[in-house]
Amino acid sequence: FRQAPGKEREFVAAIGGIDRSTHYANSVKGRFTISRDNAQNTVYL
C-alpha cells in the first residue's frame, strides 16, 4: 500500500501465498511488479 501526504492509504499490489496470483491497482499496472520468495520470507515490489 502507499500513502501520500494528506491522502488516505491506498492499495498498490498484492500477491497470493501459495498460488502467487497477483493483483494491481490500475494506476501502477504495467509499471510495478510484485513478487515473493517464500524461502526468504520476503516480498518485493
PDB file of all heavy atoms in Angstrom:
ATOM      1  N   PHE A   1       0.870  -1.170   0.000  1.00  0.00           N
ATOM      2  CA  PHE A   1       0.000   0.000   0.000  1.00  0.00           C
ATOM      3  C   PHE A   1       0.911   1.224   0.000  1.00  0.00           C
ATOM      4  O   PHE A   1       2.102   1.132   0.271  1.00  0.00           O
ATOM      5  CB  PHE A   1      -0.880   0.020   1.256  1.00  0.00           C
ATOM      6  CG  PHE A   1      -2.003  -0.989   1.246  1.00  0.00           C
ATOM      7  CD1 PHE A   1      -1.754  -2.333   1.475  1.00  0.00           C
ATOM      8  CD2 PHE A   1      -3.305  -0.585   1.028  1.00  0.00           C
ATOM      9  CE1 PHE A   1      -2.781  -3.263   1.462  1.00  0.00           C
ATOM     10  CE2 PHE A   1      -4.345  -1.502   1.031  1.00  0.00           C
ATOM     11  CZ  PHE A   1      -4.075  -2.848   1.248  1.00  0.00           C
ATOM     12  N   ARG A   2       0.331   2.361  -0.268  1.00  0.00           N
ATOM     13  CA  ARG A   2       1.093   3.608  -0.181  1.00  0.00           C
ATOM     14  C   ARG A   2       0.204   4.734   0.328  1.00  0.00           C
ATOM     15  O   ARG A   2      -1.019   4.687   0.196  1.00  0.00           O
ATOM     16  CB  ARG A   2       1.699   3.980  -1.537  1.00  0.00           C
ATOM     17  CG  ARG A   2       0.677   4.345  -2.607  1.00  0.00           C
ATOM     18  CD  ARG A   2       1.378   4.527  -3.956  1.00  0.00           C
ATOM     19  NE  ARG A   2       0.438   4.923  -5.007  1.00  0.00           N
ATOM     20  CZ  ARG A   2       0.775   5.019  -6.286  1.00  0.00           C
ATOM     21  NH1 ARG A   2       2.032   4.761  -6.684  1.00  0.00           N
ATOM     22  NH2 ARG A   2      -0.129   5.391  -7.182  1.00  0.00           N
ATOM     23  N   GLN A   3       0.866   5.712   0.918  1.00  0.00           N
ATOM     24  CA  GLN A   3       0.135   6.858   1.457  1.00  0.00           C
ATOM     25  C   GLN A   3       0.923   8.130   1.178  1.00  0.00           C
ATOM     26  O   GLN A   3       2.049   8.287   1.659  1.00  0.00           O
ATOM     27  CB  GLN A   3      -0.104   6.695   2.959  1.00  0.00           C
ATOM     28  CG  GLN A   3      -1.014   7.747   3.539  1.00  0.00           C
ATOM     29  CD  GLN A   3      -1.495   7.386   4.934  1.00  0.00           C
ATOM     30  OE1 GLN A   3      -0.931   6.519   5.612  1.00  0.00           O
ATOM     31  NE2 GLN A   3      -2.571   8.030   5.375  1.00  0.00           N
ATOM     32  N   ALA A   4       0.312   8.996   0.397  1.00  0.00           N
ATOM     33  CA  ALA A   4       0.904  10.294   0.092  1.00  0.00           C
ATOM     34  C   ALA A   4       0.440  11.307   1.131  1.00  0.00           C
ATOM     35  O   ALA A   4      -0.613  11.110   1.769  1.00  0.00           O
ATOM     36  CB  ALA A   4       0.508  10.730  -1.309  1.00  0.00           C
ATOM     37  N   PRO A   5       1.169  12.398   1.314  1.00  0.00           N
ATOM     38  CA  PRO A   5       0.780  13.405   2.306  1.00  0.00           C
ATOM     39  C   PRO A   5      -0.639  13.924   2.060  1.00  0.00           C
ATOM     40  O   PRO A   5      -0.991  14.276   0.932  1.00  0.00           O
ATOM     41  CB  PRO A   5       1.810  14.513   2.102  1.00  0.00           C
ATOM     42  CG  PRO A   5       2.996  13.815   1.539  1.00  0.00           C
ATOM     43  CD  PRO A   5       2.451  12.717   0.671  1.00  0.00           C
ATOM     44  N   GLY A   6      -1.441  13.912   3.102  1.00  0.00           N
ATOM     45  CA  GLY A   6      -2.786  14.423   3.004  1.00  0.00           C
ATOM     46  C   GLY A   6      -3.781  13.492   2.345  1.00  0.00           C
ATOM     47  O   GLY A   6      -4.950  13.865   2.147  1.00  0.00           O
ATOM     48  N   LYS A   7      -3.344  12.297   1.995  1.00  0.00           N
ATOM     49  CA  LYS A   7      -4.236  11.340   1.327  1.00  0.00           C
ATOM     50  C   LYS A   7      -4.377  10.073   2.151  1.00  0.00           C
ATOM     51  O   LYS A   7      -3.573   9.785   3.029  1.00  0.00           O
ATOM     52  CB  LYS A   7      -3.701  11.015  -0.066  1.00  0.00           C
ATOM     53  CG  LYS A   7      -3.695  12.196  -1.022  1.00  0.00           C
ATOM     54  CD  LYS A   7      -3.331  11.755  -2.420  1.00  0.00           C
ATOM     55  CE  LYS A   7      -3.398  12.913  -3.398  1.00  0.00           C
ATOM     56  NZ  LYS A   7      -3.073  12.490  -4.791  1.00  0.00           N
ATOM     57  N   GLU A   8      -5.410   9.300   1.824  1.00  0.00           N
ATOM     58  CA  GLU A   8      -5.620   8.039   2.508  1.00  0.00           C
ATOM     59  C   GLU A   8      -4.661   6.981   1.958  1.00  0.00           C
ATOM     60  O   GLU A   8      -4.183   7.085   0.827  1.00  0.00           O
ATOM     61  CB  GLU A   8      -7.071   7.578   2.313  1.00  0.00           C
ATOM     62  CG  GLU A   8      -8.085   8.465   3.012  1.00  0.00           C
ATOM     63  CD  GLU A   8      -9.486   7.893   2.945  1.00  0.00           C
ATOM     64  OE1 GLU A   8      -9.697   6.891   2.239  1.00  0.00           O
ATOM     65  OE2 GLU A   8     -10.374   8.454   3.615  1.00  0.00           O
ATOM     66  N   ARG A   9      -4.429   5.981   2.782  1.00  0.00           N
ATOM     67  CA  ARG A   9      -3.600   4.868   2.345  1.00  0.00           C
ATOM     68  C   ARG A   9      -4.333   4.112   1.243  1.00  0.00           C
ATOM     69  O   ARG A   9      -5.526   3.829   1.363  1.00  0.00           O
ATOM     70  CB  ARG A   9      -3.306   3.950   3.531  1.00  0.00           C
ATOM     71  CG  ARG A   9      -2.220   2.939   3.284  1.00  0.00           C
ATOM     72  CD  ARG A   9      -1.806   2.263   4.575  1.00  0.00           C
ATOM     73  NE  ARG A   9      -1.241   3.215   5.535  1.00  0.00           N
ATOM     74  CZ  ARG A   9      -0.650   2.850   6.664  1.00  0.00           C
ATOM     75  NH1 ARG A   9      -0.520   1.558   6.966  1.00  0.00           N
ATOM     76  NH2 ARG A   9      -0.181   3.763   7.495  1.00  0.00           N
ATOM     77  N   GLU A  10      -3.617   3.788   0.168  1.00  0.00           N
ATOM     78  CA  GLU A  10      -4.251   3.137  -0.963  1.00  0.00           C
ATOM     79  C   GLU A  10      -3.518   1.869  -1.371  1.00  0.00           C
ATOM     80  O   GLU A  10      -2.297   1.752  -1.204  1.00  0.00           O
ATOM     81  CB  GLU A  10      -4.332   4.079  -2.171  1.00  0.00           C
ATOM     82  CG  GLU A  10      -3.000   4.487  -2.748  1.00  0.00           C
ATOM     83  CD  GLU A  10      -3.128   5.312  -4.019  1.00  0.00           C
ATOM     84  OE1 GLU A  10      -4.250   5.650  -4.414  1.00  0.00           O
ATOM     85  OE2 GLU A  10      -2.081   5.602  -4.627  1.00  0.00           O
ATOM     86  N   PHE A  11      -4.274   0.953  -1.920  1.00  0.00           N
ATOM     87  CA  PHE A  11      -3.741  -0.322  -2.392  1.00  0.00           C
ATOM     88  C   PHE A  11      -2.864  -0.113  -3.622  1.00  0.00           C
ATOM     89  O   PHE A  11      -3.187   0.700  -4.502  1.00  0.00           O
ATOM     90  CB  PHE A  11      -4.907  -1.240  -2.741  1.00  0.00           C
ATOM     91  CG  PHE A  11      -4.515  -2.505  -3.438  1.00  0.00           C
ATOM     92  CD1 PHE A  11      -3.994  -3.568  -2.717  1.00  0.00           C
ATOM     93  CD2 PHE A  11      -4.666  -2.633  -4.801  1.00  0.00           C
ATOM     94  CE1 PHE A  11      -3.628  -4.740  -3.358  1.00  0.00           C
ATOM     95  CE2 PHE A  11      -4.310  -3.797  -5.456  1.00  0.00           C
ATOM     96  CZ  PHE A  11      -3.786  -4.850  -4.732  1.00  0.00           C
ATOM     97  N   VAL A  12      -1.765  -0.858  -3.680  1.00  0.00           N
ATOM     98  CA  VAL A  12      -0.870  -0.812  -4.824  1.00  0.00           C
ATOM     99  C   VAL A  12      -0.829  -2.171  -5.539  1.00  0.00           C
ATOM    100  O   VAL A  12      -1.082  -2.261  -6.735  1.00  0.00           O
ATOM    101  CB  VAL A  12       0.560  -0.417  -4.394  1.00  0.00           C
ATOM    102  CG1 VAL A  12       1.522  -0.506  -5.575  1.00  0.00           C
ATOM    103  CG2 VAL A  12       0.570   0.982  -3.803  1.00  0.00           C
ATOM    104  N   ALA A  13      -0.497  -3.217  -4.790  1.00  0.00           N
ATOM    105  CA  ALA A  13      -0.360  -4.543  -5.390  1.00  0.00           C
ATOM    106  C   ALA A  13      -0.434  -5.607  -4.309  1.00  0.00           C
ATOM    107  O   ALA A  13      -0.135  -5.334  -3.148  1.00  0.00           O
ATOM    108  CB  ALA A  13       0.962  -4.660  -6.140  1.00  0.00           C
ATOM    109  N   ALA A  14      -0.840  -6.813  -4.705  1.00  0.00           N
ATOM    110  CA  ALA A  14      -0.903  -7.932  -3.777  1.00  0.00           C
ATOM    111  C   ALA A  14      -0.525  -9.214  -4.492  1.00  0.00           C
ATOM    112  O   ALA A  14      -0.661  -9.319  -5.717  1.00  0.00           O
ATOM    113  CB  ALA A  14      -2.298  -8.063  -3.169  1.00  0.00           C
ATOM    114  N   ILE A  15      -0.079 -10.180  -3.687  1.00  0.00           N
ATOM    115  CA  ILE A  15       0.302 -11.482  -4.231  1.00  0.00           C
ATOM    116  C   ILE A  15      -0.184 -12.561  -3.279  1.00  0.00           C
ATOM    117  O   ILE A  15      -0.058 -12.433  -2.045  1.00  0.00           O
ATOM    118  CB  ILE A  15       1.826 -11.561  -4.451  1.00  0.00           C
ATOM    119  CG1 ILE A  15       2.200 -12.871  -5.132  1.00  0.00           C
ATOM    120  CG2 ILE A  15       2.600 -11.356  -3.160  1.00  0.00           C
ATOM    121  CD1 ILE A  15       3.649 -12.885  -5.659  1.00  0.00           C
ATOM    122  N   GLY A  16      -0.752 -13.618  -3.840  1.00  0.00           N
ATOM    123  CA  GLY A  16      -1.236 -14.725  -3.032  1.00  0.00           C
ATOM    124  C   GLY A  16      -0.090 -15.506  -2.428  1.00  0.00           C
ATOM    125  O   GLY A  16       1.059 -15.389  -2.844  1.00  0.00           O
ATOM    126  N   GLY A  17      -0.431 -16.351  -1.423  1.00  0.00           N
ATOM    127  CA  GLY A  17       0.600 -17.092  -0.724  1.00  0.00           C
ATOM    128  C   GLY A  17       1.171 -18.239  -1.527  1.00  0.00           C
ATOM    129  O   GLY A  17       2.289 -18.182  -2.034  1.00  0.00           O
ATOM    130  N   ILE A  18       0.349 -19.272  -1.677  1.00  0.00           N
ATOM    131  CA  ILE A  18       0.825 -20.472  -2.359  1.00  0.00           C
ATOM    132  C   ILE A  18       0.644 -20.354  -3.869  1.00  0.00           C
ATOM    133  O   ILE A  18       1.540 -20.709  -4.643  1.00  0.00           O
ATOM    134  CB  ILE A  18       0.092 -21.701  -1.802  1.00  0.00           C
ATOM    135  CG1 ILE A  18       0.434 -21.875  -0.311  1.00  0.00           C
ATOM    136  CG2 ILE A  18       0.452 -22.958  -2.588  1.00  0.00           C
ATOM    137  CD1 ILE A  18      -0.337 -22.952   0.398  1.00  0.00           C
ATOM    138  N   ASP A  19      -0.470 -19.806  -4.316  1.00  0.00           N
ATOM    139  CA  ASP A  19      -0.705 -19.742  -5.770  1.00  0.00           C
ATOM    140  C   ASP A  19       0.020 -18.594  -6.432  1.00  0.00           C
ATOM    141  O   ASP A  19       0.179 -18.575  -7.654  1.00  0.00           O
ATOM    142  CB  ASP A  19      -2.207 -19.676  -6.078  1.00  0.00           C
ATOM    143  CG  ASP A  19      -2.843 -18.373  -5.610  1.00  0.00           C
ATOM    144  OD1 ASP A  19      -2.135 -17.512  -5.063  1.00  0.00           O
ATOM    145  OD2 ASP A  19      -4.058 -18.219  -5.798  1.00  0.00           O
ATOM    146  N   ARG A  20       0.457 -17.614  -5.632  1.00  0.00           N
ATOM    147  CA  ARG A  20       1.224 -16.468  -6.144  1.00  0.00           C
ATOM    148  C   ARG A  20       0.478 -15.690  -7.225  1.00  0.00           C
ATOM    149  O   ARG A  20       1.103 -15.038  -8.058  1.00  0.00           O
ATOM    150  CB  ARG A  20       2.601 -16.882  -6.642  1.00  0.00           C
ATOM    151  CG  ARG A  20       3.417 -17.616  -5.595  1.00  0.00           C
ATOM    152  CD  ARG A  20       4.851 -17.733  -5.960  1.00  0.00           C
ATOM    153  NE  ARG A  20       5.550 -18.589  -5.009  1.00  0.00           N
ATOM    154  CZ  ARG A  20       6.848 -18.553  -4.776  1.00  0.00           C
ATOM    155  NH1 ARG A  20       7.594 -17.698  -5.425  1.00  0.00           N
ATOM    156  NH2 ARG A  20       7.405 -19.369  -3.922  1.00  0.00           N
ATOM    157  N   SER A  21      -0.824 -15.728  -7.198  1.00  0.00           N
ATOM    158  CA  SER A  21      -1.578 -14.870  -8.108  1.00  0.00           C
ATOM    159  C   SER A  21      -1.337 -13.426  -7.714  1.00  0.00           C
ATOM    160  O   SER A  21      -1.040 -13.126  -6.554  1.00  0.00           O
ATOM    161  CB  SER A  21      -3.062 -15.202  -8.040  1.00  0.00           C
ATOM    162  OG  SER A  21      -3.544 -15.020  -6.722  1.00  0.00           O
ATOM    163  N   THR A  22      -1.444 -12.515  -8.674  1.00  0.00           N
ATOM    164  CA  THR A  22      -1.165 -11.107  -8.400  1.00  0.00           C
ATOM    165  C   THR A  22      -2.327 -10.223  -8.814  1.00  0.00           C
ATOM    166  O   THR A  22      -3.152 -10.593  -9.661  1.00  0.00           O
ATOM    167  CB  THR A  22       0.106 -10.647  -9.137  1.00  0.00           C
ATOM    168  OG1 THR A  22      -0.072 -10.863 -10.535  1.00  0.00           O
ATOM    169  CG2 THR A  22       1.325 -11.399  -8.654  1.00  0.00           C
ATOM    170  N   HIS A  23      -2.357  -9.050  -8.199  1.00  0.00           N
ATOM    171  CA  HIS A  23      -3.413  -8.080  -8.495  1.00  0.00           C
ATOM    172  C   HIS A  23      -2.815  -6.701  -8.297  1.00  0.00           C
ATOM    173  O   HIS A  23      -2.044  -6.484  -7.357  1.00  0.00           O
ATOM    174  CB  HIS A  23      -4.594  -8.302  -7.557  1.00  0.00           C
ATOM    175  CG  HIS A  23      -5.731  -7.363  -7.786  1.00  0.00           C
ATOM    176  ND1 HIS A  23      -6.411  -7.296  -8.967  1.00  0.00           N
ATOM    177  CD2 HIS A  23      -6.298  -6.434  -6.964  1.00  0.00           C
ATOM    178  CE1 HIS A  23      -7.361  -6.374  -8.878  1.00  0.00           C
ATOM    179  NE2 HIS A  23      -7.316  -5.841  -7.666  1.00  0.00           N
ATOM    180  N   TYR A  24      -3.143  -5.764  -9.204  1.00  0.00           N
ATOM    181  CA  TYR A  24      -2.549  -4.441  -9.169  1.00  0.00           C
ATOM    182  C   TYR A  24      -3.602  -3.352  -9.234  1.00  0.00           C
ATOM    183  O   TYR A  24      -4.660  -3.519  -9.857  1.00  0.00           O
ATOM    184  CB  TYR A  24      -1.596  -4.249 -10.358  1.00  0.00           C
ATOM    185  CG  TYR A  24      -0.412  -5.187 -10.345  1.00  0.00           C
ATOM    186  CD1 TYR A  24      -0.466  -6.420 -10.989  1.00  0.00           C
ATOM    187  CD2 TYR A  24       0.768  -4.829  -9.699  1.00  0.00           C
ATOM    188  CE1 TYR A  24       0.612  -7.283 -10.979  1.00  0.00           C
ATOM    189  CE2 TYR A  24       1.861  -5.687  -9.685  1.00  0.00           C
ATOM    190  CZ  TYR A  24       1.776  -6.910 -10.326  1.00  0.00           C
ATOM    191  OH  TYR A  24       2.853  -7.758 -10.307  1.00  0.00           O
ATOM    192  N   ALA A  25      -3.279  -2.225  -8.634  1.00  0.00           N
ATOM    193  CA  ALA A  25      -4.087  -1.035  -8.836  1.00  0.00           C
ATOM    194  C   ALA A  25      -3.907  -0.583 -10.276  1.00  0.00           C
ATOM    195  O   ALA A  25      -2.821  -0.738 -10.858  1.00  0.00           O
ATOM    196  CB  ALA A  25      -3.648   0.066  -7.881  1.00  0.00           C
ATOM    197  N   ASN A  26      -4.946  -0.016 -10.845  1.00  0.00           N
ATOM    198  CA  ASN A  26      -4.859   0.425 -12.247  1.00  0.00           C
ATOM    199  C   ASN A  26      -3.739   1.445 -12.452  1.00  0.00           C
ATOM    200  O   ASN A  26      -3.112   1.473 -13.510  1.00  0.00           O
ATOM    201  CB  ASN A  26      -6.194   1.022 -12.685  1.00  0.00           C
ATOM    202  CG  ASN A  26      -7.266  -0.038 -12.875  1.00  0.00           C
ATOM    203  OD1 ASN A  26      -6.973  -1.203 -13.136  1.00  0.00           O
ATOM    204  ND2 ASN A  26      -8.517   0.362 -12.722  1.00  0.00           N
ATOM    205  N   SER A  27      -3.489   2.249 -11.439  1.00  0.00           N
ATOM    206  CA  SER A  27      -2.505   3.321 -11.571  1.00  0.00           C
ATOM    207  C   SER A  27      -1.071   2.798 -11.715  1.00  0.00           C
ATOM    208  O   SER A  27      -0.187   3.546 -12.158  1.00  0.00           O
ATOM    209  CB  SER A  27      -2.583   4.246 -10.361  1.00  0.00           C
ATOM    210  OG  SER A  27      -2.357   3.531  -9.168  1.00  0.00           O
ATOM    211  N   VAL A  28      -0.818   1.546 -11.339  1.00  0.00           N
ATOM    212  CA  VAL A  28       0.544   1.011 -11.406  1.00  0.00           C
ATOM    213  C   VAL A  28       0.661  -0.173 -12.350  1.00  0.00           C
ATOM    214  O   VAL A  28       1.774  -0.663 -12.597  1.00  0.00           O
ATOM    215  CB  VAL A  28       1.054   0.608 -10.011  1.00  0.00           C
ATOM    216  CG1 VAL A  28       0.921   1.767  -9.036  1.00  0.00           C
ATOM    217  CG2 VAL A  28       0.340  -0.634  -9.479  1.00  0.00           C
ATOM    218  N   LYS A  29      -0.444  -0.629 -12.886  1.00  0.00           N
ATOM    219  CA  LYS A  29      -0.431  -1.801 -13.753  1.00  0.00           C
ATOM    220  C   LYS A  29       0.478  -1.556 -14.951  1.00  0.00           C
ATOM    221  O   LYS A  29       0.422  -0.515 -15.597  1.00  0.00           O
ATOM    222  CB  LYS A  29      -1.861  -2.111 -14.201  1.00  0.00           C
ATOM    223  CG  LYS A  29      -2.091  -3.534 -14.668  1.00  0.00           C
ATOM    224  CD  LYS A  29      -3.573  -3.785 -14.893  1.00  0.00           C
ATOM    225  CE  LYS A  29      -4.354  -3.755 -13.591  1.00  0.00           C
ATOM    226  NZ  LYS A  29      -5.782  -4.099 -13.787  1.00  0.00           N
ATOM    227  N   GLY A  30       1.340  -2.536 -15.226  1.00  0.00           N
ATOM    228  CA  GLY A  30       2.281  -2.410 -16.338  1.00  0.00           C
ATOM    229  C   GLY A  30       3.585  -1.739 -15.964  1.00  0.00           C
ATOM    230  O   GLY A  30       4.558  -1.788 -16.724  1.00  0.00           O
ATOM    231  N   ARG A  31       3.637  -1.103 -14.791  1.00  0.00           N
ATOM    232  CA  ARG A  31       4.871  -0.435 -14.348  1.00  0.00           C
ATOM    233  C   ARG A  31       5.475  -1.109 -13.115  1.00  0.00           C
ATOM    234  O   ARG A  31       6.692  -1.109 -12.945  1.00  0.00           O
ATOM    235  CB  ARG A  31       4.599   1.034 -14.025  1.00  0.00           C
ATOM    236  CG  ARG A  31       4.074   1.844 -15.193  1.00  0.00           C
ATOM    237  CD  ARG A  31       4.010   3.324 -14.849  1.00  0.00           C
ATOM    238  NE  ARG A  31       3.090   3.599 -13.743  1.00  0.00           N
ATOM    239  CZ  ARG A  31       3.439   4.201 -12.612  1.00  0.00           C
ATOM    240  NH1 ARG A  31       4.697   4.583 -12.409  1.00  0.00           N
ATOM    241  NH2 ARG A  31       2.535   4.429 -11.665  1.00  0.00           N
ATOM    242  N   PHE A  32       4.632  -1.637 -12.240  1.00  0.00           N
ATOM    243  CA  PHE A  32       5.075  -2.264 -10.997  1.00  0.00           C
ATOM    244  C   PHE A  32       4.885  -3.775 -11.094  1.00  0.00           C
ATOM    245  O   PHE A  32       3.936  -4.259 -11.715  1.00  0.00           O
ATOM    246  CB  PHE A  32       4.281  -1.750  -9.813  1.00  0.00           C
ATOM    247  CG  PHE A  32       4.532  -0.307  -9.438  1.00  0.00           C
ATOM    248  CD1 PHE A  32       5.256   0.556 -10.236  1.00  0.00           C
ATOM    249  CD2 PHE A  32       4.025   0.190  -8.238  1.00  0.00           C
ATOM    250  CE1 PHE A  32       5.486   1.870  -9.874  1.00  0.00           C
ATOM    251  CE2 PHE A  32       4.234   1.506  -7.864  1.00  0.00           C
ATOM    252  CZ  PHE A  32       4.964   2.347  -8.691  1.00  0.00           C
ATOM    253  N   THR A  33       5.781  -4.510 -10.437  1.00  0.00           N
ATOM    254  CA  THR A  33       5.672  -5.954 -10.368  1.00  0.00           C
ATOM    255  C   THR A  33       5.902  -6.416  -8.932  1.00  0.00           C
ATOM    256  O   THR A  33       6.929  -6.081  -8.331  1.00  0.00           O
ATOM    257  CB  THR A  33       6.703  -6.638 -11.280  1.00  0.00           C
ATOM    258  OG1 THR A  33       6.518  -6.194 -12.627  1.00  0.00           O
ATOM    259  CG2 THR A  33       6.541  -8.156 -11.237  1.00  0.00           C
ATOM    260  N   ILE A  34       4.956  -7.160  -8.403  1.00  0.00           N
ATOM    261  CA  ILE A  34       5.102  -7.731  -7.065  1.00  0.00           C
ATOM    262  C   ILE A  34       5.538  -9.188  -7.199  1.00  0.00           C
ATOM    263  O   ILE A  34       5.087  -9.908  -8.100  1.00  0.00           O
ATOM    264  CB  ILE A  34       3.780  -7.619  -6.257  1.00  0.00           C
ATOM    265  CG1 ILE A  34       4.005  -8.013  -4.799  1.00  0.00           C
ATOM    266  CG2 ILE A  34       2.659  -8.414  -6.895  1.00  0.00           C
ATOM    267  CD1 ILE A  34       2.806  -7.704  -3.896  1.00  0.00           C
ATOM    268  N   SER A  35       6.421  -9.604  -6.307  1.00  0.00           N
ATOM    269  CA  SER A  35       6.887 -10.989  -6.318  1.00  0.00           C
ATOM    270  C   SER A  35       7.241 -11.379  -4.883  1.00  0.00           C
ATOM    271  O   SER A  35       7.284 -10.514  -3.992  1.00  0.00           O
ATOM    272  CB  SER A  35       8.102 -11.163  -7.239  1.00  0.00           C
ATOM    273  OG  SER A  35       9.181 -10.360  -6.806  1.00  0.00           O
ATOM    274  N   ARG A  36       7.493 -12.660  -4.673  1.00  0.00           N
ATOM    275  CA  ARG A  36       7.828 -13.106  -3.334  1.00  0.00           C
ATOM    276  C   ARG A  36       8.791 -14.272  -3.386  1.00  0.00           C
ATOM    277  O   ARG A  36       8.824 -15.035  -4.364  1.00  0.00           O
ATOM    278  CB  ARG A  36       6.570 -13.499  -2.559  1.00  0.00           C
ATOM    279  CG  ARG A  36       5.838 -14.706  -3.116  1.00  0.00           C
ATOM    280  CD  ARG A  36       4.485 -14.864  -2.443  1.00  0.00           C
ATOM    281  NE  ARG A  36       4.602 -15.166  -1.023  1.00  0.00           N
ATOM    282  CZ  ARG A  36       3.645 -14.964  -0.121  1.00  0.00           C
ATOM    283  NH1 ARG A  36       2.479 -14.436  -0.508  1.00  0.00           N
ATOM    284  NH2 ARG A  36       3.829 -15.279   1.142  1.00  0.00           N
ATOM    285  N   ASP A  37       9.558 -14.409  -2.312  1.00  0.00           N
ATOM    286  CA  ASP A  37      10.459 -15.534  -2.121  1.00  0.00           C
ATOM    287  C   ASP A  37      10.076 -16.165  -0.791  1.00  0.00           C
ATOM    288  O   ASP A  37      10.454 -15.653   0.270  1.00  0.00           O
ATOM    289  CB  ASP A  37      11.911 -15.045  -2.117  1.00  0.00           C
ATOM    290  CG  ASP A  37      12.914 -16.185  -1.998  1.00  0.00           C
ATOM    291  OD1 ASP A  37      12.529 -17.282  -1.543  1.00  0.00           O
ATOM    292  OD2 ASP A  37      14.083 -15.975  -2.340  1.00  0.00           O
ATOM    293  N   ASN A  38       9.315 -17.229  -0.838  1.00  0.00           N
ATOM    294  CA  ASN A  38       8.821 -17.843   0.395  1.00  0.00           C
ATOM    295  C   ASN A  38       9.949 -18.457   1.229  1.00  0.00           C
ATOM    296  O   ASN A  38       9.831 -18.562   2.452  1.00  0.00           O
ATOM    297  CB  ASN A  38       7.766 -18.894   0.078  1.00  0.00           C
ATOM    298  CG  ASN A  38       6.443 -18.268  -0.357  1.00  0.00           C
ATOM    299  OD1 ASN A  38       6.196 -17.090  -0.113  1.00  0.00           O
ATOM    300  ND2 ASN A  38       5.597 -19.047  -1.014  1.00  0.00           N
ATOM    301  N   ALA A  39      11.022 -18.857   0.592  1.00  0.00           N
ATOM    302  CA  ALA A  39      12.153 -19.419   1.333  1.00  0.00           C
ATOM    303  C   ALA A  39      12.858 -18.341   2.159  1.00  0.00           C
ATOM    304  O   ALA A  39      13.463 -18.643   3.195  1.00  0.00           O
ATOM    305  CB  ALA A  39      13.135 -20.078   0.379  1.00  0.00           C
ATOM    306  N   GLN A  40      12.776 -17.096   1.697  1.00  0.00           N
ATOM    307  CA  GLN A  40      13.424 -15.979   2.386  1.00  0.00           C
ATOM    308  C   GLN A  40      12.432 -15.115   3.164  1.00  0.00           C
ATOM    309  O   GLN A  40      12.820 -14.095   3.737  1.00  0.00           O
ATOM    310  CB  GLN A  40      14.156 -15.098   1.364  1.00  0.00           C
ATOM    311  CG  GLN A  40      15.280 -15.806   0.632  1.00  0.00           C
ATOM    312  CD  GLN A  40      16.406 -16.195   1.565  1.00  0.00           C
ATOM    313  OE1 GLN A  40      16.736 -15.462   2.506  1.00  0.00           O
ATOM    314  NE2 GLN A  40      17.000 -17.357   1.320  1.00  0.00           N
ATOM    315  N   ASN A  41      11.157 -15.507   3.175  1.00  0.00           N
ATOM    316  CA  ASN A  41      10.120 -14.716   3.874  1.00  0.00           C
ATOM    317  C   ASN A  41      10.143 -13.256   3.434  1.00  0.00           C
ATOM    318  O   ASN A  41      10.053 -12.336   4.259  1.00  0.00           O
ATOM    319  CB  ASN A  41      10.310 -14.787   5.401  1.00  0.00           C
ATOM    320  CG  ASN A  41       9.805 -16.080   5.983  1.00  0.00           C
ATOM    321  OD1 ASN A  41       9.615 -17.073   5.278  1.00  0.00           O
ATOM    322  ND2 ASN A  41       9.579 -16.101   7.280  1.00  0.00           N
ATOM    323  N   THR A  42      10.250 -13.059   2.140  1.00  0.00           N
ATOM    324  CA  THR A  42      10.403 -11.705   1.618  1.00  0.00           C
ATOM    325  C   THR A  42       9.476 -11.475   0.431  1.00  0.00           C
ATOM    326  O   THR A  42       9.279 -12.376  -0.392  1.00  0.00           O
ATOM    327  CB  THR A  42      11.858 -11.456   1.197  1.00  0.00           C
ATOM    328  OG1 THR A  42      12.718 -11.669   2.321  1.00  0.00           O
ATOM    329  CG2 THR A  42      12.045 -10.030   0.705  1.00  0.00           C
ATOM    330  N   VAL A  43       8.928 -10.282   0.381  1.00  0.00           N
ATOM    331  CA  VAL A  43       8.129  -9.864  -0.759  1.00  0.00           C
ATOM    332  C   VAL A  43       8.777  -8.619  -1.360  1.00  0.00           C
ATOM    333  O   VAL A  43       9.386  -7.820  -0.642  1.00  0.00           O
ATOM    334  CB  VAL A  43       6.662  -9.603  -0.352  1.00  0.00           C
ATOM    335  CG1 VAL A  43       6.548  -8.457   0.638  1.00  0.00           C
ATOM    336  CG2 VAL A  43       5.799  -9.347  -1.561  1.00  0.00           C
ATOM    337  N   TYR A  44       8.666  -8.486  -2.671  1.00  0.00           N
ATOM    338  CA  TYR A  44       9.314  -7.398  -3.382  1.00  0.00           C
ATOM    339  C   TYR A  44       8.303  -6.588  -4.178  1.00  0.00           C
ATOM    340  O   TYR A  44       7.239  -7.085  -4.567  1.00  0.00           O
ATOM    341  CB  TYR A  44      10.356  -7.957  -4.358  1.00  0.00           C
ATOM    342  CG  TYR A  44      11.402  -8.835  -3.708  1.00  0.00           C
ATOM    343  CD1 TYR A  44      11.269 -10.225  -3.720  1.00  0.00           C
ATOM    344  CD2 TYR A  44      12.505  -8.278  -3.080  1.00  0.00           C
ATOM    345  CE1 TYR A  44      12.211 -11.034  -3.124  1.00  0.00           C
ATOM    346  CE2 TYR A  44      13.455  -9.084  -2.476  1.00  0.00           C
ATOM    347  CZ  TYR A  44      13.306 -10.463  -2.497  1.00  0.00           C
ATOM    348  OH  TYR A  44      14.243 -11.260  -1.892  1.00  0.00           O
ATOM    349  N   LEU A  45       8.677  -5.348  -4.455  1.00  0.00           N
ATOM    350  CA  LEU A  45       7.901  -4.520  -5.372  1.00  0.00           C
ATOM    351  C   LEU A  45       8.901  -3.833  -6.298  1.00  0.00           C
ATOM    352  O   LEU A  45       9.641  -2.950  -5.872  1.00  0.00           O
ATOM    353  CB  LEU A  45       7.057  -3.474  -4.632  1.00  0.00           C
ATOM    354  CG  LEU A  45       6.138  -2.656  -5.536  1.00  0.00           C
ATOM    355  CD1 LEU A  45       5.024  -3.559  -6.091  1.00  0.00           C
ATOM    356  CD2 LEU A  45       5.518  -1.486  -4.771  1.00  0.00           C
TER     357      LEU A  45
END
